[in-house]
C-alpha atoms as a PDB file:
ATOM      1  CA  UNK A   1       0.000   0.000   0.000  1.00  0.00           C
ATOM      2  CA  UNK A   2       1.367   3.397  -1.014  1.00  0.00           C
ATOM      3  CA  UNK A   3       1.668   5.882   1.834  1.00  0.00           C
ATOM      4  CA  UNK A   4       1.076   9.578   1.180  1.00  0.00           C
ATOM      5  CA  UNK A   5       2.721  12.697   2.532  1.00  0.00           C
ATOM      6  CA  UNK A   6       0.475  15.755   2.401  1.00  0.00           C
ATOM      7  CA  UNK A   7       1.968  19.217   1.932  1.00  0.00           C
ATOM      8  CA  UNK A   8       0.178  22.521   2.449  1.00  0.00           C
ATOM      9  CA  UNK A   9       1.528  25.920   1.383  1.00  0.00           C
ATOM     10  CA  UNK A  10       1.487  28.612   4.048  1.00  0.00           C
ATOM     11  CA  UNK A  11       0.974  31.278   1.383  1.00  0.00           C
ATOM     12  CA  UNK A  12      -0.957  30.155  -1.691  1.00  0.00           C
ATOM     13  CA  UNK A  13      -0.520  33.570  -3.337  1.00  0.00           C
ATOM     14  CA  UNK A  14       3.177  32.808  -3.939  1.00  0.00           C
ATOM     15  CA  UNK A  15       4.343  29.982  -6.192  1.00  0.00           C
ATOM     16  CA  UNK A  16       6.992  28.433  -3.934  1.00  0.00           C
ATOM     17  CA  UNK A  17       8.840  25.440  -5.357  1.00  0.00           C
ATOM     18  CA  UNK A  18       7.222  22.385  -3.818  1.00  0.00           C
ATOM     19  CA  UNK A  19       9.243  19.463  -2.466  1.00  0.00           C
ATOM     20  CA  UNK A  20       9.770  16.822  -5.146  1.00  0.00           C
ATOM     21  CA  UNK A  21      11.014  13.243  -5.276  1.00  0.00           C
ATOM     22  CA  UNK A  22      14.745  13.241  -4.513  1.00  0.00           C
ATOM     23  CA  UNK A  23      15.446  11.003  -7.512  1.00  0.00           C
ATOM     24  CA  UNK A  24      14.717  14.049  -9.706  1.00  0.00           C
ATOM     25  CA  UNK A  25      17.627  15.894  -8.102  1.00  0.00           C
ATOM     26  CA  UNK A  26      20.534  13.501  -8.585  1.00  0.00           C
ATOM     27  CA  UNK A  27      23.442  15.871  -9.330  1.00  0.00           C
ATOM     28  CA  UNK A  28      24.864  16.103 -12.811  1.00  0.00           C
ATOM     29  CA  UNK A  29      28.409  15.467 -11.558  1.00  0.00           C
ATOM     30  CA  UNK A  30      27.290  12.046 -10.294  1.00  0.00           C
ATOM     31  CA  UNK A  31      25.483  11.261 -13.542  1.00  0.00           C
ATOM     32  CA  UNK A  32      28.625  12.130 -15.512  1.00  0.00           C
ATOM     33  CA  UNK A  33      30.874   9.656 -13.671  1.00  0.00           C
ATOM     34  CA  UNK A  34      31.737   6.753 -16.002  1.00  0.00           C
ATOM     35  CA  UNK A  35      30.410   3.361 -14.923  1.00  0.00           C
ATOM     36  CA  UNK A  36      33.775   1.685 -15.528  1.00  0.00           C
ATOM     37  CA  UNK A  37      37.358   2.913 -15.103  1.00  0.00           C
ATOM     38  CA  UNK A  38      40.363   0.735 -15.880  1.00  0.00           C
ATOM     39  CA  UNK A  39      38.072  -2.297 -16.108  1.00  0.00           C
ATOM     40  CA  UNK A  40      36.753  -1.657 -12.583  1.00  0.00           C
ATOM     41  CA  UNK A  41      33.230  -0.586 -11.641  1.00  0.00           C
ATOM     42  CA  UNK A  42      33.005   2.936 -10.204  1.00  0.00           C
ATOM     43  CA  UNK A  43      30.799   4.456  -7.526  1.00  0.00           C
ATOM     44  CA  UNK A  44      28.350   5.232 -10.349  1.00  0.00           C
ATOM     45  CA  UNK A  45      27.376   1.537 -10.258  1.00  0.00           C
ATOM     46  CA  UNK A  46      26.948   1.397  -6.476  1.00  0.00           C
ATOM     47  CA  UNK A  47      23.210   0.892  -5.975  1.00  0.00           C
ATOM     48  CA  UNK A  48      23.269   1.739  -2.228  1.00  0.00           C
ATOM     49  CA  UNK A  49      24.789   5.141  -3.052  1.00  0.00           C
ATOM     50  CA  UNK A  50      22.113   5.746  -5.682  1.00  0.00           C
ATOM     51  CA  UNK A  51      19.451   4.725  -3.148  1.00  0.00           C
ATOM     52  CA  UNK A  52      20.789   7.393  -0.776  1.00  0.00           C
ATOM     53  CA  UNK A  53      20.657  10.069  -3.497  1.00  0.00           C
ATOM     54  CA  UNK A  54      17.074   9.136  -4.382  1.00  0.00           C
ATOM     55  CA  UNK A  55      15.567   8.461  -0.940  1.00  0.00           C
ATOM     56  CA  UNK A  56      12.566  10.564   0.029  1.00  0.00           C
ATOM     57  CA  UNK A  57      11.916  14.098  -1.130  1.00  0.00           C
ATOM     58  CA  UNK A  58      13.879  17.285  -1.673  1.00  0.00           C
ATOM     59  CA  UNK A  59      13.124  20.788  -0.429  1.00  0.00           C
ATOM     60  CA  UNK A  60      14.593  23.486  -2.705  1.00  0.00           C
ATOM     61  CA  UNK A  61      15.224  27.210  -2.854  1.00  0.00           C
ATOM     62  CA  UNK A  62      12.380  29.001  -4.621  1.00  0.00           C
ATOM     63  CA  UNK A  63      14.493  31.893  -5.909  1.00  0.00           C
ATOM     64  CA  UNK A  64      18.119  32.901  -6.375  1.00  0.00           C
ATOM     65  CA  UNK A  65      19.992  33.805  -3.200  1.00  0.00           C
ATOM     66  CA  UNK A  66      23.329  35.647  -3.135  1.00  0.00           C
ATOM     67  CA  UNK A  67      25.754  35.367  -0.218  1.00  0.00           C
ATOM     68  CA  UNK A  68      28.227  38.195   0.325  1.00  0.00           C
ATOM     69  CA  UNK A  69      31.243  36.692   2.021  1.00  0.00           C
ATOM     70  CA  UNK A  70      32.628  40.068   3.118  1.00  0.00           C
ATOM     71  CA  UNK A  71      29.530  41.259   4.952  1.00  0.00           C
ATOM     72  CA  UNK A  72      28.428  37.693   5.773  1.00  0.00           C
ATOM     73  CA  UNK A  73      24.924  38.573   4.627  1.00  0.00           C
ATOM     74  CA  UNK A  74      22.442  36.982   2.272  1.00  0.00           C
ATOM     75  CA  UNK A  75      20.683  38.941  -0.458  1.00  0.00           C
ATOM     76  CA  UNK A  76      17.398  37.222  -1.178  1.00  0.00           C
ATOM     77  CA  UNK A  77      16.100  37.855  -4.706  1.00  0.00           C
ATOM     78  CA  UNK A  78      12.832  36.069  -4.112  1.00  0.00           C
ATOM     79  CA  UNK A  79       9.362  37.527  -3.620  1.00  0.00           C
ATOM     80  CA  UNK A  80       9.319  36.283  -0.041  1.00  0.00           C
ATOM     81  CA  UNK A  81      12.044  35.790   2.554  1.00  0.00           C
ATOM     82  CA  UNK A  82      13.813  32.419   2.226  1.00  0.00           C
ATOM     83  CA  UNK A  83      16.532  32.870   4.850  1.00  0.00           C
ATOM     84  CA  UNK A  84      16.599  34.122   8.425  1.00  0.00           C
ATOM     85  CA  UNK A  85      19.043  33.695  11.297  1.00  0.00           C
ATOM     86  CA  UNK A  86      19.360  32.049  14.669  1.00  0.00           C
ATOM     87  CA  UNK A  87      21.324  33.611  17.493  1.00  0.00           C
ATOM     88  CA  UNK A  88      24.841  32.295  18.032  1.00  0.00           C
ATOM     89  CA  UNK A  89      23.881  31.290  21.574  1.00  0.00           C
ATOM     90  CA  UNK A  90      21.439  28.729  20.224  1.00  0.00           C
ATOM     91  CA  UNK A  91      24.250  26.608  18.784  1.00  0.00           C
ATOM     92  CA  UNK A  92      27.012  27.424  21.237  1.00  0.00           C
ATOM     93  CA  UNK A  93      28.859  24.126  21.871  1.00  0.00           C
ATOM     94  CA  UNK A  94      27.378  22.425  18.809  1.00  0.00           C
ATOM     95  CA  UNK A  95      30.067  20.551  16.856  1.00  0.00           C
ATOM     96  CA  UNK A  96      30.595  22.588  13.687  1.00  0.00           C
ATOM     97  CA  UNK A  97      33.133  21.679  11.022  1.00  0.00           C
ATOM     98  CA  UNK A  98      35.873  24.308  10.724  1.00  0.00           C
ATOM     99  CA  UNK A  99      35.007  24.710   7.050  1.00  0.00           C
ATOM    100  CA  UNK A 100      31.814  26.552   8.023  1.00  0.00           C
ATOM    101  CA  UNK A 101      30.973  29.899   9.572  1.00  0.00           C
ATOM    102  CA  UNK A 102      29.842  29.381  13.184  1.00  0.00           C
ATOM    103  CA  UNK A 103      26.833  31.660  12.781  1.00  0.00           C
ATOM    104  CA  UNK A 104      23.601  29.676  12.234  1.00  0.00           C
ATOM    105  CA  UNK A 105      21.235  30.656   9.435  1.00  0.00           C
ATOM    106  CA  UNK A 106      17.848  29.155   8.705  1.00  0.00           C
ATOM    107  CA  UNK A 107      16.077  28.105   5.528  1.00  0.00           C
ATOM    108  CA  UNK A 108      12.521  29.391   5.904  1.00  0.00           C
ATOM    109  CA  UNK A 109      10.209  26.549   4.932  1.00  0.00           C
ATOM    110  CA  UNK A 110       6.773  27.607   3.681  1.00  0.00           C
ATOM    111  CA  UNK A 111       5.254  24.125   3.525  1.00  0.00           C
ATOM    112  CA  UNK A 112       3.483  22.177   6.251  1.00  0.00           C
ATOM    113  CA  UNK A 113       4.456  18.506   5.938  1.00  0.00           C
ATOM    114  CA  UNK A 114       2.090  15.800   7.226  1.00  0.00           C
ATOM    115  CA  UNK A 115       2.854  12.081   7.309  1.00  0.00           C
ATOM    116  CA  UNK A 116       0.375   9.269   8.105  1.00  0.00           C
ATOM    117  CA  UNK A 117      -0.160   8.238  11.723  1.00  0.00           C
ATOM    118  CA  UNK A 118       2.834   6.360  13.103  1.00  0.00           C
ATOM    119  CA  UNK A 119       5.311   7.946  10.654  1.00  0.00           C
ATOM    120  CA  UNK A 120       8.036  10.489  11.372  1.00  0.00           C
ATOM    121  CA  UNK A 121      10.408  12.276   8.996  1.00  0.00           C
ATOM    122  CA  UNK A 122      14.184  12.585   8.931  1.00  0.00           C
ATOM    123  CA  UNK A 123      15.072  16.048   7.633  1.00  0.00           C
ATOM    124  CA  UNK A 124      18.746  16.070   6.676  1.00  0.00           C
ATOM    125  CA  UNK A 125      21.321  17.762   4.492  1.00  0.00           C
ATOM    126  CA  UNK A 126      20.996  16.294   0.981  1.00  0.00           C
ATOM    127  CA  UNK A 127      22.825  12.979   1.183  1.00  0.00           C
ATOM    128  CA  UNK A 128      26.254  12.783  -0.497  1.00  0.00           C
ATOM    129  CA  UNK A 129      26.064  16.494  -1.401  1.00  0.00           C
ATOM    130  CA  UNK A 130      29.283  17.788   0.122  1.00  0.00           C
ATOM    131  CA  UNK A 131      29.647  19.955  -2.987  1.00  0.00           C
ATOM    132  CA  UNK A 132      26.986  22.379  -1.748  1.00  0.00           C
ATOM    133  CA  UNK A 133      28.297  25.616  -0.158  1.00  0.00           C
ATOM    134  CA  UNK A 134      26.312  25.068   3.039  1.00  0.00           C
ATOM    135  CA  UNK A 135      25.432  22.288   5.447  1.00  0.00           C
ATOM    136  CA  UNK A 136      21.936  21.864   6.830  1.00  0.00           C
ATOM    137  CA  UNK A 137      21.437  20.374  10.298  1.00  0.00           C
ATOM    138  CA  UNK A 138      19.726  16.978  10.531  1.00  0.00           C
ATOM    139  CA  UNK A 139      16.664  16.451  12.719  1.00  0.00           C
ATOM    140  CA  UNK A 140      13.800  13.988  13.176  1.00  0.00           C
ATOM    141  CA  UNK A 141      10.274  15.339  13.589  1.00  0.00           C
ATOM    142  CA  UNK A 142       7.114  13.376  14.405  1.00  0.00           C
ATOM    143  CA  UNK A 143       5.320  14.873  11.437  1.00  0.00           C
ATOM    144  CA  UNK A 144       2.116  12.906  11.924  1.00  0.00           C
ATOM    145  CA  UNK A 145       1.172  15.172  14.865  1.00  0.00           C
ATOM    146  CA  UNK A 146       3.439  18.241  14.799  1.00  0.00           C
ATOM    147  CA  UNK A 147       1.157  21.159  13.751  1.00  0.00           C
ATOM    148  CA  UNK A 148       3.787  23.614  12.428  1.00  0.00           C
ATOM    149  CA  UNK A 149       5.996  23.808   9.362  1.00  0.00           C
ATOM    150  CA  UNK A 150       9.513  22.515  10.075  1.00  0.00           C
ATOM    151  CA  UNK A 151      12.324  25.066   9.733  1.00  0.00           C
ATOM    152  CA  UNK A 152      15.849  24.123   8.627  1.00  0.00           C
ATOM    153  CA  UNK A 153      18.979  25.594  10.305  1.00  0.00           C
ATOM    154  CA  UNK A 154      22.211  25.581   8.292  1.00  0.00           C
ATOM    155  CA  UNK A 155      25.801  26.821   8.205  1.00  0.00           C
ATOM    156  CA  UNK A 156      27.539  28.463   5.245  1.00  0.00           C
ATOM    157  CA  UNK A 157      31.086  27.644   4.112  1.00  0.00           C
ATOM    158  CA  UNK A 158      33.725  30.173   5.167  1.00  0.00           C
ATOM    159  CA  UNK A 159      35.265  30.524   1.708  1.00  0.00           C
ATOM    160  CA  UNK A 160      31.969  30.877  -0.170  1.00  0.00           C
ATOM    161  CA  UNK A 161      30.800  34.026  -1.891  1.00  0.00           C
ATOM    162  CA  UNK A 162      28.280  33.859  -4.664  1.00  0.00           C
ATOM    163  CA  UNK A 163      24.946  32.664  -5.941  1.00  0.00           C
ATOM    164  CA  UNK A 164      22.827  29.824  -4.643  1.00  0.00           C
ATOM    165  CA  UNK A 165      20.468  29.350  -7.608  1.00  0.00           C
ATOM    166  CA  UNK A 166      16.741  28.807  -7.444  1.00  0.00           C
ATOM    167  CA  UNK A 167      16.005  25.091  -7.289  1.00  0.00           C
ATOM    168  CA  UNK A 168      19.071  24.222  -5.208  1.00  0.00           C
ATOM    169  CA  UNK A 169      18.322  21.252  -2.918  1.00  0.00           C
ATOM    170  CA  UNK A 170      18.588  22.280   0.740  1.00  0.00           C
ATOM    171  CA  UNK A 171      16.923  19.471   2.726  1.00  0.00           C
ATOM    172  CA  UNK A 172      16.225  15.800   2.011  1.00  0.00           C
ATOM    173  CA  UNK A 173      13.088  14.553   3.774  1.00  0.00           C
ATOM    174  CA  UNK A 174      12.808  10.808   4.367  1.00  0.00           C
ATOM    175  CA  UNK A 175       9.606   9.507   5.991  1.00  0.00           C
ATOM    176  CA  UNK A 176       9.873   6.376   8.128  1.00  0.00           C
ATOM    177  CA  UNK A 177       7.640   4.265  10.328  1.00  0.00           C
ATOM    178  CA  UNK A 178       8.238   4.458  14.053  1.00  0.00           C
ATOM    179  CA  UNK A 179       9.010   0.993  15.425  1.00  0.00           C
ATOM    180  CA  UNK A 180      10.533  -0.254  18.639  1.00  0.00           C
ATOM    181  CA  UNK A 181      13.994  -1.728  18.113  1.00  0.00           C
ATOM    182  CA  UNK A 182      16.481  -3.643  20.179  1.00  0.00           C
ATOM    183  CA  UNK A 183      19.962  -4.717  19.153  1.00  0.00           C
ATOM    184  CA  UNK A 184      20.758  -8.399  19.673  1.00  0.00           C
ATOM    185  CA  UNK A 185      24.102 -10.188  19.686  1.00  0.00           C
ATOM    186  CA  UNK A 186      23.377 -13.937  19.421  1.00  0.00           C
ATOM    187  CA  UNK A 187      25.883 -16.455  20.743  1.00  0.00           C
ATOM    188  CA  UNK A 188      28.464 -17.340  18.055  1.00  0.00           C
ATOM    189  CA  UNK A 189      30.510 -20.504  17.848  1.00  0.00           C
ATOM    190  CA  UNK A 190      32.605 -18.963  15.081  1.00  0.00           C
ATOM    191  CA  UNK A 191      33.226 -15.608  13.426  1.00  0.00           C
ATOM    192  CA  UNK A 192      30.670 -14.551  10.871  1.00  0.00           C
ATOM    193  CA  UNK A 193      31.726 -14.921   7.250  1.00  0.00           C
ATOM    194  CA  UNK A 194      29.773 -14.897   4.035  1.00  0.00           C
ATOM    195  CA  UNK A 195      30.420 -18.337   2.586  1.00  0.00           C
ATOM    196  CA  UNK A 196      30.451 -17.128  -1.027  1.00  0.00           C
ATOM    197  CA  UNK A 197      32.631 -14.076  -0.344  1.00  0.00           C
ATOM    198  CA  UNK A 198      35.169 -14.576  -3.121  1.00  0.00           C
ATOM    199  CA  UNK A 199      32.498 -15.311  -5.716  1.00  0.00           C
ATOM    200  CA  UNK A 200      31.160 -11.815  -5.007  1.00  0.00           C
ATOM    201  CA  UNK A 201      33.983 -10.375  -7.131  1.00  0.00           C
ATOM    202  CA  UNK A 202      33.609 -12.794 -10.046  1.00  0.00           C
ATOM    203  CA  UNK A 203      31.515 -12.167 -13.173  1.00  0.00           C
ATOM    204  CA  UNK A 204      28.698 -11.511 -13.644  1.00  0.00           C
ATOM    205  CA  UNK A 205      28.843  -8.308 -11.654  1.00  0.00           C
ATOM    206  CA  UNK A 206      26.018  -6.317 -10.021  1.00  0.00           C
ATOM    207  CA  UNK A 207      25.169  -9.206  -7.694  1.00  0.00           C
ATOM    208  CA  UNK A 208      23.741  -6.904  -5.044  1.00  0.00           C
ATOM    209  CA  UNK A 209      21.225  -5.356  -7.431  1.00  0.00           C
ATOM    210  CA  UNK A 210      20.249  -8.715  -8.947  1.00  0.00           C
ATOM    211  CA  UNK A 211      19.963 -10.716  -5.730  1.00  0.00           C
ATOM    212  CA  UNK A 212      19.409  -8.433  -2.740  1.00  0.00           C
ATOM    213  CA  UNK A 213      18.235  -4.941  -3.712  1.00  0.00           C
ATOM    214  CA  UNK A 214      14.580  -3.997  -3.162  1.00  0.00           C
ATOM    215  CA  UNK A 215      12.946  -1.239  -5.188  1.00  0.00           C
ATOM    216  CA  UNK A 216      11.929   1.917  -3.322  1.00  0.00           C
ATOM    217  CA  UNK A 217       9.339   4.327  -4.659  1.00  0.00           C
ATOM    218  CA  UNK A 218       8.913   8.037  -3.942  1.00  0.00           C
ATOM    219  CA  UNK A 219       6.616  10.055  -6.199  1.00  0.00           C
END
């Protein structure tokens, strides 16, 4: 049975870019990687990596945004504010990579996001997108009951000055069912080993996709 996420715009008079399936935002640099180099498969053929790129949905900027590195200010060219700030005290002590400015900004999200009962959402920086000039903070929200739109704090890279174009992915949203989990370590008489380990590297290749991978669907 297909589950549905419902989204509601907080201002229907403005045509904000709606979240879309993440698979529609796989970066061009990843698409351009050759599948084979020197007779060896590349990361382009790694299905788990592709699954990460395409999991869930992507929130995007609705208009161009320019960041002035000298003044450390954003110039928003949109018809409505897309970026605001947090106070530094709110993230004091938070582990921030030295590549980023310590001041926290915030992507202003104009969409209310509602999942079915029993489902929460992981909101995270777009997976495998270290090329972006910012890093959004990850958080989990119980979006089946939370009545407000979720806002997205982020940090900007210290050496960045320039344009963040309209349509840039800023947050990847991955719904998941809340279950109770417990880790178990069964008694072992011997170390675990996959019995067919060496055959894994013999032709035909793509054994994971053919034998273990399950299709995921986000529309």
